[in-house]
Amino acid sequence: MGHSDISVTMNVYTHVNFDDAEEELQKMEKLRKAQEEIEKGKEKPVSQKMFKII
């Protein structure tokens, strides 16, 4: 990461354990689902003019 000493890098980036990582992944999944819901709301409704009346 560009630190002057490997111990600095190890102290900064290795404190994350499995539970922390799992929690962050769950947060990311919630964010992804929220983004999908927002995108769904941006869809234009189908216009009735598109259908031919018989």
C-alpha atoms as a PDB file:
ATOM      1  CA  MET A   1       0.000   0.000   0.000  1.00  0.00           C
ATOM      2  CA  GLY A   2       3.026   2.260  -0.136  1.00  0.00           C
ATOM      3  CA  HIS A   3       3.765   2.450   3.580  1.00  0.00           C
ATOM      4  CA  SER A   4       7.372   2.873   4.625  1.00  0.00           C
ATOM      5  CA  ASP A   5       7.310  -0.276   6.743  1.00  0.00           C
ATOM      6  CA  ILE A   6       5.364  -3.537   6.320  1.00  0.00           C
ATOM      7  CA  SER A   7       4.362  -3.430   9.983  1.00  0.00           C
ATOM      8  CA  VAL A   8       2.391  -0.237   9.349  1.00  0.00           C
ATOM      9  CA  THR A   9       0.491  -1.949   6.535  1.00  0.00           C
ATOM     10  CA  MET A  10      -0.138  -5.044   8.637  1.00  0.00           C
ATOM     11  CA  ASN A  11      -1.374  -3.032  11.615  1.00  0.00           C
ATOM     12  CA  VAL A  12      -3.726  -0.971   9.477  1.00  0.00           C
ATOM     13  CA  TYR A  13      -5.187  -3.638   7.189  1.00  0.00           C
ATOM     14  CA  THR A  14      -5.145  -6.943   9.086  1.00  0.00           C
ATOM     15  CA  HIS A  15      -7.387  -6.096  12.029  1.00  0.00           C
ATOM     16  CA  VAL A  16     -10.502  -7.182  10.130  1.00  0.00           C
ATOM     17  CA  ASN A  17     -11.780 -10.606  11.170  1.00  0.00           C
ATOM     18  CA  PHE A  18     -14.268 -12.936   9.511  1.00  0.00           C
ATOM     19  CA  ASP A  19     -17.261 -11.526  11.409  1.00  0.00           C
ATOM     20  CA  ASP A  20     -16.379  -7.981  10.362  1.00  0.00           C
ATOM     21  CA  ALA A  21     -16.006  -9.041   6.739  1.00  0.00           C
ATOM     22  CA  GLU A  22     -19.305 -10.930   6.813  1.00  0.00           C
ATOM     23  CA  GLU A  23     -21.084  -7.907   8.286  1.00  0.00           C
ATOM     24  CA  GLU A  24     -19.696  -5.659   5.553  1.00  0.00           C
ATOM     25  CA  LEU A  25     -20.768  -8.105   2.856  1.00  0.00           C
ATOM     26  CA  GLN A  26     -24.290  -8.091   4.278  1.00  0.00           C
ATOM     27  CA  LYS A  27     -24.308  -4.289   4.177  1.00  0.00           C
ATOM     28  CA  MET A  28     -23.163  -4.369   0.561  1.00  0.00           C
ATOM     29  CA  GLU A  29     -25.942  -6.817  -0.321  1.00  0.00           C
ATOM     30  CA  LYS A  30     -28.534  -4.523   1.291  1.00  0.00           C
ATOM     31  CA  LEU A  31     -27.132  -1.612  -0.689  1.00  0.00           C
ATOM     32  CA  ARG A  32     -27.298  -3.622  -3.918  1.00  0.00           C
ATOM     33  CA  LYS A  33     -30.927  -4.525  -3.264  1.00  0.00           C
ATOM     34  CA  ALA A  34     -31.785  -0.900  -2.478  1.00  0.00           C
ATOM     35  CA  GLN A  35     -30.152   0.192  -5.737  1.00  0.00           C
ATOM     36  CA  GLU A  36     -32.205  -2.394  -7.647  1.00  0.00           C
ATOM     37  CA  GLU A  37     -35.398  -1.037  -6.075  1.00  0.00           C
ATOM     38  CA  ILE A  38     -34.448   2.500  -7.074  1.00  0.00           C
ATOM     39  CA  GLU A  39     -33.756   1.359 -10.630  1.00  0.00           C
ATOM     40  CA  LYS A  40     -37.134  -0.386 -10.779  1.00  0.00           C
ATOM     41  CA  GLY A  41     -38.794   2.898  -9.882  1.00  0.00           C
ATOM     42  CA  LYS A  42     -37.093   4.588 -12.844  1.00  0.00           C
ATOM     43  CA  GLU A  43     -38.742   2.278 -15.371  1.00  0.00           C
ATOM     44  CA  LYS A  44     -41.296   4.025 -17.529  1.00  0.00           C
ATOM     45  CA  PRO A  45     -44.795   2.578 -17.335  1.00  0.00           C
ATOM     46  CA  VAL A  46     -46.056   0.907 -20.478  1.00  0.00           C
ATOM     47  CA  SER A  47     -48.223   3.281 -22.436  1.00  0.00           C
ATOM     48  CA  GLN A  48     -51.634   2.076 -23.526  1.00  0.00           C
ATOM     49  CA  LYS A  49     -50.964   3.742 -26.889  1.00  0.00           C
ATOM     50  CA  MET A  50     -48.555   0.919 -27.577  1.00  0.00           C
ATOM     51  CA  PHE A  51     -51.399  -1.610 -27.749  1.00  0.00           C
ATOM     52  CA  LYS A  52     -53.661  -1.959 -30.706  1.00  0.00           C
ATOM     53  CA  ILE A  53     -57.344  -2.064 -29.900  1.00  0.00           C
ATOM     54  CA  ILE A  54     -59.169  -4.730 -31.868  1.00  0.00           C
END
